[in-house]
N, C-alpha and C. Protein backbone atom coordinates (compact mmCIF):
# COMPACT_ATOMS: atom_id res chain seq x y z
N MET A 1 -2.24 -30.02 6.32
CA MET A 1 -1.81 -29.61 7.47
C MET A 1 -3.04 -28.88 8.51
N LYS A 2 -2.76 -29.74 9.32
CA LYS A 2 -3.88 -29.16 10.70
C LYS A 2 -3.76 -28.14 11.62
N LEU A 3 -4.40 -27.15 11.82
CA LEU A 3 -4.56 -26.23 12.59
C LEU A 3 -5.07 -25.88 14.05
N ILE A 4 -4.68 -25.84 14.39
CA ILE A 4 -5.20 -25.61 16.05
C ILE A 4 -6.42 -24.31 16.13
N GLU A 5 -7.47 -24.48 17.17
CA GLU A 5 -7.34 -23.41 16.89
C GLU A 5 -7.73 -23.01 18.57
N ILE A 6 -7.05 -21.62 18.68
CA ILE A 6 -7.12 -21.61 20.09
C ILE A 6 -7.55 -20.23 20.54
N GLU A 7 -8.24 -19.96 21.78
CA GLU A 7 -8.72 -18.45 22.14
C GLU A 7 -7.68 -17.90 22.59
N VAL A 8 -7.26 -16.48 22.26
CA VAL A 8 -6.48 -15.60 22.42
C VAL A 8 -7.28 -14.69 23.32
N GLN A 9 -6.71 -14.37 24.47
CA GLN A 9 -7.51 -13.53 25.43
C GLN A 9 -6.23 -12.70 25.27
N ASN A 10 -6.94 -11.14 24.80
CA ASN A 10 -5.68 -9.89 24.82
C ASN A 10 -5.70 -9.45 26.19
N GLU A 11 -5.50 -9.08 27.40
CA GLU A 11 -4.33 -8.30 28.59
C GLU A 11 -4.94 -6.88 28.10
N THR A 12 -4.06 -6.44 27.06
CA THR A 12 -3.89 -5.18 26.80
C THR A 12 -5.30 -4.61 26.72
N HIS A 13 -6.38 -5.29 25.73
CA HIS A 13 -7.77 -4.52 25.19
C HIS A 13 -8.90 -5.15 26.05
N GLN A 14 -8.18 -5.82 26.57
CA GLN A 14 -9.48 -6.85 27.65
C GLN A 14 -10.46 -7.59 25.90
N THR A 15 -9.77 -8.00 25.57
CA THR A 15 -10.97 -9.08 23.81
C THR A 15 -10.29 -10.21 24.07
N GLN A 16 -11.05 -11.06 23.61
CA GLN A 16 -11.23 -12.53 22.93
C GLN A 16 -11.47 -12.75 21.88
N LEU A 17 -10.35 -13.29 20.68
CA LEU A 17 -10.42 -13.96 19.71
C LEU A 17 -9.45 -15.50 19.85
N GLN A 18 -10.72 -15.49 18.50
CA GLN A 18 -10.40 -16.82 18.29
C GLN A 18 -9.39 -17.07 17.02
N MET A 19 -7.95 -17.60 17.19
CA MET A 19 -6.85 -17.85 16.05
C MET A 19 -6.41 -19.33 15.79
N ARG A 20 -6.28 -19.46 14.81
CA ARG A 20 -5.87 -20.68 14.08
C ARG A 20 -4.43 -20.72 14.15
N PHE A 21 -3.35 -22.06 14.38
CA PHE A 21 -1.70 -21.98 14.60
C PHE A 21 -1.62 -23.33 14.61
N ALA A 22 -0.28 -23.34 13.57
CA ALA A 22 0.22 -25.10 13.56
C ALA A 22 0.60 -25.20 14.63
N VAL A 23 0.94 -24.59 15.53
CA VAL A 23 1.78 -24.78 16.81
C VAL A 23 1.05 -24.17 18.23
N VAL A 24 1.03 -24.65 19.43
CA VAL A 24 0.57 -23.61 20.08
C VAL A 24 1.90 -23.19 20.62
N PRO A 25 1.44 -21.45 20.76
CA PRO A 25 2.88 -20.76 21.01
C PRO A 25 3.50 -21.00 22.37
N ARG A 26 4.28 -20.87 22.63
CA ARG A 26 5.05 -20.99 24.30
C ARG A 26 5.43 -19.63 24.95
N LEU A 27 5.48 -19.70 26.24
CA LEU A 27 5.39 -18.55 26.57
C LEU A 27 6.91 -17.41 26.30
N GLY A 28 6.36 -16.40 26.64
CA GLY A 28 7.40 -15.31 26.42
C GLY A 28 7.81 -15.41 24.76
N GLU A 29 6.76 -16.06 23.84
CA GLU A 29 6.74 -15.78 21.97
C GLU A 29 6.29 -14.78 21.90
N GLY A 30 6.47 -13.74 20.83
CA GLY A 30 5.81 -12.66 20.19
C GLY A 30 4.39 -13.67 19.23
N LEU A 31 3.94 -12.60 18.98
CA LEU A 31 2.89 -12.12 18.36
C LEU A 31 2.56 -10.94 17.30
N ARG A 32 1.70 -11.00 16.19
CA ARG A 32 1.54 -9.90 15.80
C ARG A 32 0.18 -9.88 15.46
N LEU A 33 -0.65 -8.58 16.12
CA LEU A 33 -1.70 -8.99 16.15
C LEU A 33 -2.53 -7.49 15.53
N LEU A 34 -3.71 -7.62 14.83
CA LEU A 34 -4.21 -6.14 14.49
C LEU A 34 -4.70 -5.47 15.38
N GLU A 35 -4.47 -4.17 15.90
CA GLU A 35 -5.08 -3.41 16.59
C GLU A 35 -6.16 -3.10 16.78
N PRO A 36 -7.19 -2.02 17.49
CA PRO A 36 -8.49 -1.65 17.39
C PRO A 36 -7.95 -0.60 16.29
N SER A 37 -7.24 0.48 16.17
CA SER A 37 -6.03 1.65 15.72
C SER A 37 -6.69 1.00 14.12
N GLY A 38 -6.28 -0.46 13.69
CA GLY A 38 -6.09 -0.68 12.70
C GLY A 38 -4.63 -1.06 12.20
N PHE A 39 -3.39 -0.47 12.94
CA PHE A 39 -2.36 -0.77 12.88
C PHE A 39 -1.95 -2.16 13.52
N TRP A 40 -0.43 -2.83 13.31
CA TRP A 40 -0.02 -4.07 13.95
C TRP A 40 0.55 -3.81 14.96
N ALA A 41 0.68 -4.58 16.04
CA ALA A 41 1.54 -4.37 16.85
C ALA A 41 2.03 -5.60 17.65
N SER A 42 3.28 -5.59 18.40
CA SER A 42 3.75 -6.77 18.89
C SER A 42 3.40 -7.44 19.97
N TYR A 43 2.95 -8.57 20.32
CA TYR A 43 2.04 -8.75 21.88
C TYR A 43 3.11 -10.45 22.13
N ASP A 44 3.82 -10.32 23.58
CA ASP A 44 4.06 -11.26 24.27
C ASP A 44 3.14 -12.22 24.66
N VAL A 45 3.44 -13.58 24.93
CA VAL A 45 2.52 -14.71 25.25
C VAL A 45 3.32 -14.87 26.74
N ILE A 46 1.91 -14.59 27.94
CA ILE A 46 2.32 -14.51 28.90
C ILE A 46 1.74 -16.02 29.88
N ASP A 47 1.18 -16.20 29.19
CA ASP A 47 -0.05 -17.61 30.03
C ASP A 47 -0.38 -18.54 28.54
N VAL A 48 -0.14 -19.97 28.64
CA VAL A 48 -1.19 -20.64 27.66
C VAL A 48 -1.35 -21.96 29.02
N TRP A 49 -2.44 -22.44 28.57
CA TRP A 49 -3.07 -22.74 29.41
C TRP A 49 -4.07 -24.09 28.82
N TYR A 50 -4.59 -25.51 28.80
CA TYR A 50 -5.47 -26.37 28.76
C TYR A 50 -6.84 -26.17 29.36
N GLN A 51 -8.31 -26.26 28.83
CA GLN A 51 -9.00 -26.87 29.70
C GLN A 51 -9.80 -28.00 29.04
N LYS A 52 -10.33 -29.09 29.86
CA LYS A 52 -10.95 -29.74 29.26
C LYS A 52 -12.28 -29.16 28.57
N ALA A 53 -12.50 -29.99 27.45
CA ALA A 53 -13.52 -30.14 26.41
C ALA A 53 -14.68 -30.33 26.88
N GLU A 54 -15.88 -29.62 27.05
CA GLU A 54 -17.06 -30.11 27.35
C GLU A 54 -17.46 -31.33 26.42
N TYR A 55 -16.88 -32.16 25.17
CA TYR A 55 -17.27 -33.02 24.94
C TYR A 55 -15.82 -34.18 25.00
N GLY A 56 -16.04 -35.10 24.79
CA GLY A 56 -15.03 -36.45 24.87
C GLY A 56 -13.63 -36.08 25.71
N ASP A 57 -12.38 -36.24 25.71
CA ASP A 57 -11.71 -36.22 26.47
C ASP A 57 -10.49 -35.73 25.37
N ILE A 58 -11.02 -34.59 25.21
CA ILE A 58 -10.27 -33.60 24.31
C ILE A 58 -9.74 -32.12 25.25
N TRP A 59 -8.55 -31.75 25.08
CA TRP A 59 -7.60 -30.61 26.19
C TRP A 59 -7.33 -29.66 25.19
N VAL A 60 -8.64 -28.34 25.44
CA VAL A 60 -8.38 -27.11 24.52
C VAL A 60 -7.58 -26.21 25.00
N PRO A 61 -7.21 -25.55 23.90
CA PRO A 61 -5.56 -24.60 24.66
C PRO A 61 -5.60 -23.22 24.40
N TYR A 62 -5.22 -22.35 25.67
CA TYR A 62 -5.50 -21.07 25.75
C TYR A 62 -4.53 -20.20 25.52
N ILE A 63 -4.55 -19.01 25.42
CA ILE A 63 -3.52 -18.22 25.98
C ILE A 63 -3.97 -17.07 25.95
N HIS A 64 -2.96 -16.22 26.74
CA HIS A 64 -3.14 -14.81 27.29
C HIS A 64 -2.38 -13.73 26.74
N VAL A 65 -2.14 -12.80 25.84
CA VAL A 65 -1.35 -12.04 25.65
C VAL A 65 -1.12 -10.70 25.82
N ARG A 66 -0.25 -10.08 25.74
CA ARG A 66 -0.26 -8.69 26.62
C ARG A 66 0.65 -7.99 25.43
N ILE A 67 0.77 -6.76 25.39
CA ILE A 67 1.20 -5.87 24.17
C ILE A 67 2.98 -5.55 24.93
N THR A 68 3.43 -5.84 23.72
CA THR A 68 5.29 -5.52 24.36
C THR A 68 5.33 -4.54 24.49
N GLN A 69 6.03 -4.67 25.69
CA GLN A 69 7.02 -2.99 26.30
C GLN A 69 7.15 -1.77 25.35
N THR A 70 8.07 -2.36 24.69
CA THR A 70 8.60 -1.26 23.69
C THR A 70 8.07 -0.81 23.06
N GLN A 71 6.70 -1.26 22.28
CA GLN A 71 5.69 -1.20 21.77
C GLN A 71 4.50 -0.15 22.30
N GLN A 72 4.50 -0.51 24.09
CA GLN A 72 3.80 0.52 24.50
C GLN A 72 3.85 1.79 24.50
N VAL A 73 5.21 1.69 24.47
CA VAL A 73 6.40 3.20 24.83
C VAL A 73 5.98 3.82 23.66
N ALA A 74 6.66 3.25 22.58
CA ALA A 74 6.86 3.95 21.66
C ALA A 74 5.48 4.20 21.04
N GLU A 75 4.06 3.93 21.18
CA GLU A 75 3.03 4.46 20.24
C GLU A 75 2.80 6.03 20.83
N PRO A 76 2.54 6.35 22.05
CA PRO A 76 2.47 7.47 23.03
C PRO A 76 3.22 8.53 22.08
N GLU A 77 4.47 8.18 22.26
CA GLU A 77 5.58 9.06 21.78
C GLU A 77 5.57 9.44 20.44
N LEU A 78 5.07 8.50 19.29
CA LEU A 78 5.14 8.33 18.02
C LEU A 78 3.28 9.95 17.86
N ASP A 79 2.57 9.64 18.64
CA ASP A 79 1.44 10.33 19.11
C ASP A 79 1.42 11.33 19.08
N SER A 80 2.59 11.96 20.23
CA SER A 80 2.87 13.08 20.18
C SER A 80 3.66 13.36 19.49
N VAL A 81 4.60 13.24 18.57
CA VAL A 81 5.26 13.84 17.96
C VAL A 81 4.24 14.12 16.11
N LEU A 82 3.75 13.34 15.95
CA LEU A 82 2.71 13.49 14.60
C LEU A 82 1.81 14.87 15.43
N SER A 83 1.24 14.63 16.26
CA SER A 83 0.36 15.81 16.56
C SER A 83 0.69 17.43 16.93
N GLU A 84 2.04 17.52 17.23
CA GLU A 84 2.71 18.33 17.44
C GLU A 84 3.20 19.68 16.18
N LYS A 85 3.61 18.35 15.14
CA LYS A 85 4.08 18.55 13.77
C LYS A 85 3.21 19.91 13.06
N GLU A 86 3.72 20.73 12.40
CA GLU A 86 2.57 21.42 11.24
C GLU A 86 3.04 20.76 9.79
N PRO A 87 2.36 20.82 8.97
CA PRO A 87 2.37 19.74 7.80
C PRO A 87 3.55 21.06 6.89
N VAL A 88 4.63 20.27 6.23
CA VAL A 88 5.66 20.56 5.65
C VAL A 88 5.13 20.37 3.85
N PRO A 89 5.31 21.39 3.50
CA PRO A 89 5.14 20.81 1.70
C PRO A 89 6.61 19.96 0.85
N PHE A 90 6.60 19.42 0.55
CA PHE A 90 7.53 18.52 0.01
C PHE A 90 8.04 19.41 -1.04
N THR A 91 9.71 19.35 -0.97
CA THR A 91 10.34 20.35 -1.72
C THR A 91 11.67 19.39 -2.59
N VAL A 92 11.68 20.01 -3.64
CA VAL A 92 12.99 18.99 -4.46
C VAL A 92 14.46 20.15 -4.16
């Protein structure tokens, strides 16, 4: 199987990375990407475009992603809950 190398531009963290896909993701599709914190998060594809490569007659795909809104809301809530609670010993 041949994979397509696509540059993923992350609007949430203002980063870029190269990833390989079997097909080019469509607008609105979701991706799971590793966050800088080490956790996986859901991202939505908000833009797909092609640019002509510097060599030959080849068009290179690019995608623009942003963290899913429900994911963005859930993370701060989780942080506040975890940081406010005192550790409780496990009891049987």
